[in-house]
Amino acid sequence: MGSKEEIFARIKAHGVDQVERPEMTFTPLTFPEPLVQFEKILKAVGANYVLLEKGQDVNEAIRKAYPEAKTIASNLPEVTCATVNPDKLDDPRELNGTDVGVIRGEFGVLENGMVWINQHTRYKALFFIAEALVVLLDRNELVNNMHEAYARPDFDDYGYGCFIAGPSKTADIEQALVIGAHGARGVTVILQHPPL
């Protein structure tokens, strides 16, 4: 008997009895004050939170959040402060150097501060190449937890989508945290009233 067969024989001789899987019953988290919870978690993950009042201009909120921004890229019609429409560019590499990208979020998740983003722009590079990202989100489009997020009927109806929770972060084994390594260095979520 070779070493391979000997190893398999020893493993087989010392097998563990099969155990029935326990029942997976639990109650997913819910939050009585959605806006308070969302703000708390967004701040915890390093994002900024802006709650617009009725009639407040989103462009003023964007300019207030990023007053030094020279290049603002967005294809959203209400974002009149945009200096670049990414859909009119020939190459996504032209977005390099974008100070702020403004996109729309589909819904936010209260338990972890993530926002589901569908690709409504020509280049998904905008989500990751801009120095800062502003996500416009309807304040009524908040779900409690990931169970509710995955159950949404529009969740699997997209060409490209991703969850974004705060600025890009990575850390190594020495616990050196780097912000903006794989995406935006800053994220601001602007909660709006639904359109009339």
Protein backbone atom coordinates (compact mmCIF):
# COMPACT_ATOMS: atom_id res chain seq x y z
CA MET A 1 0.00 0.00 0.00
CA GLY A 2 1.36 3.40 -0.99
CA SER A 3 1.33 6.52 1.17
CA LYS A 4 -1.75 7.89 -0.57
CA GLU A 5 -3.80 4.76 0.14
CA GLU A 6 -2.48 4.67 3.71
CA ILE A 7 -3.62 8.26 4.32
CA PHE A 8 -7.10 7.52 2.94
CA ALA A 9 -7.35 4.35 5.07
CA ARG A 10 -6.47 6.28 8.24
CA ILE A 11 -8.99 9.01 7.44
CA LYS A 12 -11.69 6.40 6.82
CA ALA A 13 -10.87 4.58 10.07
CA HIS A 14 -11.18 7.79 12.11
CA GLY A 15 -14.30 9.20 10.51
CA VAL A 16 -16.79 11.31 12.41
CA ASP A 17 -20.40 10.23 12.70
CA GLN A 18 -22.78 12.29 10.65
CA VAL A 19 -24.79 14.82 12.66
CA GLU A 20 -28.15 16.18 11.63
CA ARG A 21 -28.07 19.82 10.68
CA PRO A 22 -29.81 22.00 13.30
CA GLU A 23 -32.96 23.80 12.30
CA MET A 24 -32.29 27.34 11.05
CA THR A 25 -34.99 29.32 12.81
CA PHE A 26 -34.35 32.89 13.85
CA THR A 27 -35.94 36.28 13.58
CA PRO A 28 -34.07 38.70 11.30
CA LEU A 29 -33.25 42.13 12.68
CA THR A 30 -35.77 44.92 12.26
CA PHE A 31 -35.44 48.55 13.27
CA PRO A 32 -38.26 50.79 14.56
CA GLU A 33 -36.58 54.04 13.46
CA PRO A 34 -35.17 53.44 9.96
CA LEU A 35 -33.65 56.88 9.35
CA VAL A 36 -31.92 56.94 12.74
CA GLN A 37 -30.54 53.42 12.22
CA PHE A 38 -29.35 54.13 8.67
CA GLU A 39 -27.52 57.29 9.74
CA LYS A 40 -25.86 55.46 12.65
CA ILE A 41 -24.60 52.58 10.49
CA LEU A 42 -23.51 54.81 7.59
CA LYS A 43 -21.38 56.86 9.98
CA ALA A 44 -19.96 53.66 11.50
CA VAL A 45 -18.77 52.46 8.07
CA GLY A 46 -17.22 55.86 7.30
CA ALA A 47 -19.89 57.31 5.01
CA ASN A 48 -21.53 60.72 5.21
CA TYR A 49 -25.30 61.01 5.56
CA VAL A 50 -27.49 63.83 4.29
CA LEU A 51 -31.25 63.88 4.83
CA LEU A 52 -32.83 66.31 2.38
CA GLU A 53 -35.95 68.16 3.37
CA LYS A 54 -38.77 68.69 0.89
CA GLY A 55 -37.84 71.35 -1.63
CA GLN A 56 -34.14 71.26 -0.75
CA ASP A 57 -31.92 71.19 -3.84
CA VAL A 58 -29.76 68.10 -4.24
CA ASN A 59 -27.16 70.15 -6.13
CA GLU A 60 -26.66 72.41 -3.11
CA ALA A 61 -26.19 69.33 -0.92
CA ILE A 62 -23.59 67.91 -3.33
CA ARG A 63 -21.68 71.20 -3.51
CA LYS A 64 -21.81 71.59 0.27
CA ALA A 65 -20.45 68.07 0.78
CA TYR A 66 -17.64 68.54 -1.80
CA PRO A 67 -17.00 72.29 -2.19
CA GLU A 68 -13.54 71.80 -3.75
CA ALA A 69 -14.75 69.40 -6.48
CA LYS A 70 -13.90 70.55 -9.99
CA THR A 71 -15.09 67.47 -11.91
CA ILE A 72 -18.52 66.05 -11.06
CA ALA A 73 -19.68 63.17 -13.26
CA SER A 74 -23.31 62.13 -13.46
CA ASN A 75 -25.96 61.22 -16.00
CA LEU A 76 -28.85 61.94 -13.62
CA PRO A 77 -31.09 64.71 -14.98
CA GLU A 78 -31.60 66.39 -11.59
CA VAL A 79 -27.84 66.72 -11.04
CA THR A 80 -27.31 70.03 -12.82
CA CYS A 81 -24.00 70.67 -11.04
CA ALA A 82 -22.42 67.82 -13.05
CA THR A 83 -19.55 68.95 -15.27
CA VAL A 84 -19.29 65.63 -17.14
CA ASN A 85 -21.93 63.24 -18.45
CA PRO A 86 -20.16 59.84 -18.34
CA ASP A 87 -22.53 58.44 -20.95
CA LYS A 88 -21.08 60.83 -23.54
CA LEU A 89 -17.49 59.68 -23.11
CA ASP A 90 -15.88 57.29 -25.60
CA ASP A 91 -13.67 55.48 -23.09
CA PRO A 92 -14.18 54.83 -19.36
CA ARG A 93 -10.53 55.78 -18.75
CA GLU A 94 -11.59 59.36 -19.44
CA LEU A 95 -13.24 59.25 -16.00
CA ASN A 96 -9.82 59.06 -14.36
CA GLY A 97 -9.38 62.18 -12.24
CA THR A 98 -13.10 62.55 -11.49
CA ASP A 99 -13.53 64.30 -8.15
CA VAL A 100 -17.15 63.25 -7.52
CA GLY A 101 -19.38 60.66 -9.16
CA VAL A 102 -23.11 60.97 -8.53
CA ILE A 103 -25.22 57.84 -8.97
CA ARG A 104 -28.60 56.52 -7.90
CA GLY A 105 -29.08 53.79 -5.31
CA GLU A 106 -32.00 51.39 -5.57
CA PHE A 107 -32.38 50.64 -1.84
CA GLY A 108 -30.43 50.78 1.41
CA VAL A 109 -30.00 48.07 4.06
CA LEU A 110 -30.41 49.23 7.66
CA GLU A 111 -28.44 46.46 9.36
CA ASN A 112 -25.16 47.17 7.56
CA GLY A 113 -25.44 50.52 5.73
CA MET A 114 -25.09 49.01 2.28
CA VAL A 115 -26.78 50.54 -0.75
CA TRP A 116 -27.68 48.43 -3.78
CA ILE A 117 -26.47 50.06 -6.99
CA ASN A 118 -27.61 49.04 -10.47
CA GLN A 119 -25.68 50.16 -13.52
CA HIS A 120 -27.72 53.01 -14.98
CA THR A 121 -24.68 54.61 -16.54
CA ARG A 122 -22.65 53.58 -19.56
CA TYR A 123 -19.52 52.77 -17.56
CA LYS A 124 -19.56 51.06 -14.18
CA ALA A 125 -16.03 52.41 -13.76
CA LEU A 126 -17.70 55.56 -12.40
CA PHE A 127 -18.63 53.62 -9.23
CA PHE A 128 -14.97 52.97 -8.42
CA ILE A 129 -12.76 55.54 -10.15
CA ALA A 130 -14.20 58.74 -8.66
CA GLU A 131 -12.39 60.12 -5.62
CA ALA A 132 -15.76 60.54 -3.91
CA LEU A 133 -19.13 58.99 -4.60
CA VAL A 134 -22.53 60.52 -3.93
CA VAL A 135 -25.43 58.08 -3.85
CA LEU A 136 -28.93 59.50 -4.23
CA LEU A 137 -31.48 57.30 -2.49
CA ASP A 138 -35.24 57.52 -1.97
CA ARG A 139 -35.76 57.66 1.81
CA ASN A 140 -38.67 55.20 1.46
CA GLU A 141 -36.41 52.56 -0.13
CA LEU A 142 -34.86 51.15 3.04
CA VAL A 143 -35.04 47.49 4.06
CA ASN A 144 -34.21 46.13 7.49
CA ASN A 145 -31.80 43.34 6.63
CA MET A 146 -30.20 41.25 3.89
CA HIS A 147 -33.09 38.76 3.96
CA GLU A 148 -35.42 41.54 2.84
CA ALA A 149 -32.83 42.81 0.32
CA TYR A 150 -32.54 39.44 -1.43
CA ALA A 151 -36.32 39.03 -1.47
CA ARG A 152 -36.90 42.25 -3.42
CA PRO A 153 -38.31 41.51 -6.87
CA ASP A 154 -35.98 44.02 -8.55
CA PHE A 155 -32.84 42.56 -6.93
CA ASP A 156 -32.02 40.15 -9.76
CA ASP A 157 -33.23 42.37 -12.61
CA TYR A 158 -29.98 44.04 -13.65
CA GLY A 159 -26.99 43.74 -15.98
CA TYR A 160 -24.48 44.77 -13.31
CA GLY A 161 -25.07 45.64 -9.70
CA CYS A 162 -23.16 45.84 -6.44
CA PHE A 163 -23.56 46.77 -2.81
CA ILE A 164 -21.57 49.79 -1.63
CA ALA A 165 -21.11 50.53 2.06
CA GLY A 166 -19.01 53.59 2.73
CA PRO A 167 -15.63 54.39 1.22
CA SER A 168 -13.36 51.64 -0.11
CA LYS A 169 -11.33 50.13 2.72
CA THR A 170 -8.67 47.45 2.99
CA ALA A 171 -6.35 46.39 5.81
CA ASP A 172 -3.40 44.05 6.06
CA ILE A 173 -2.33 41.64 8.77
CA GLU A 174 -0.47 44.45 10.55
CA GLN A 175 -3.80 46.28 10.84
CA ALA A 176 -2.77 49.14 8.58
CA LEU A 177 -6.05 50.49 7.22
CA VAL A 178 -6.05 52.09 3.76
CA ILE A 179 -9.04 54.14 2.62
CA GLY A 180 -9.72 54.39 -1.12
CA ALA A 181 -7.56 51.49 -2.24
CA HIS A 182 -10.16 49.93 -4.55
CA GLY A 183 -12.71 52.69 -4.97
CA ALA A 184 -13.92 56.02 -3.66
CA ARG A 185 -12.16 57.61 -0.70
CA GLY A 186 -15.40 59.19 0.43
CA VAL A 187 -19.06 58.25 0.11
CA THR A 188 -22.06 60.46 0.84
CA VAL A 189 -25.57 59.02 0.81
CA ILE A 190 -28.24 61.65 0.19
CA LEU A 191 -31.72 60.53 1.20
CA GLN A 192 -34.40 62.27 -0.83
CA HIS A 193 -38.16 62.45 -0.75
CA PRO A 194 -39.74 60.35 -3.51
CA PRO A 195 -40.64 62.26 -6.67
CA LEU A 196 -44.28 63.40 -6.90
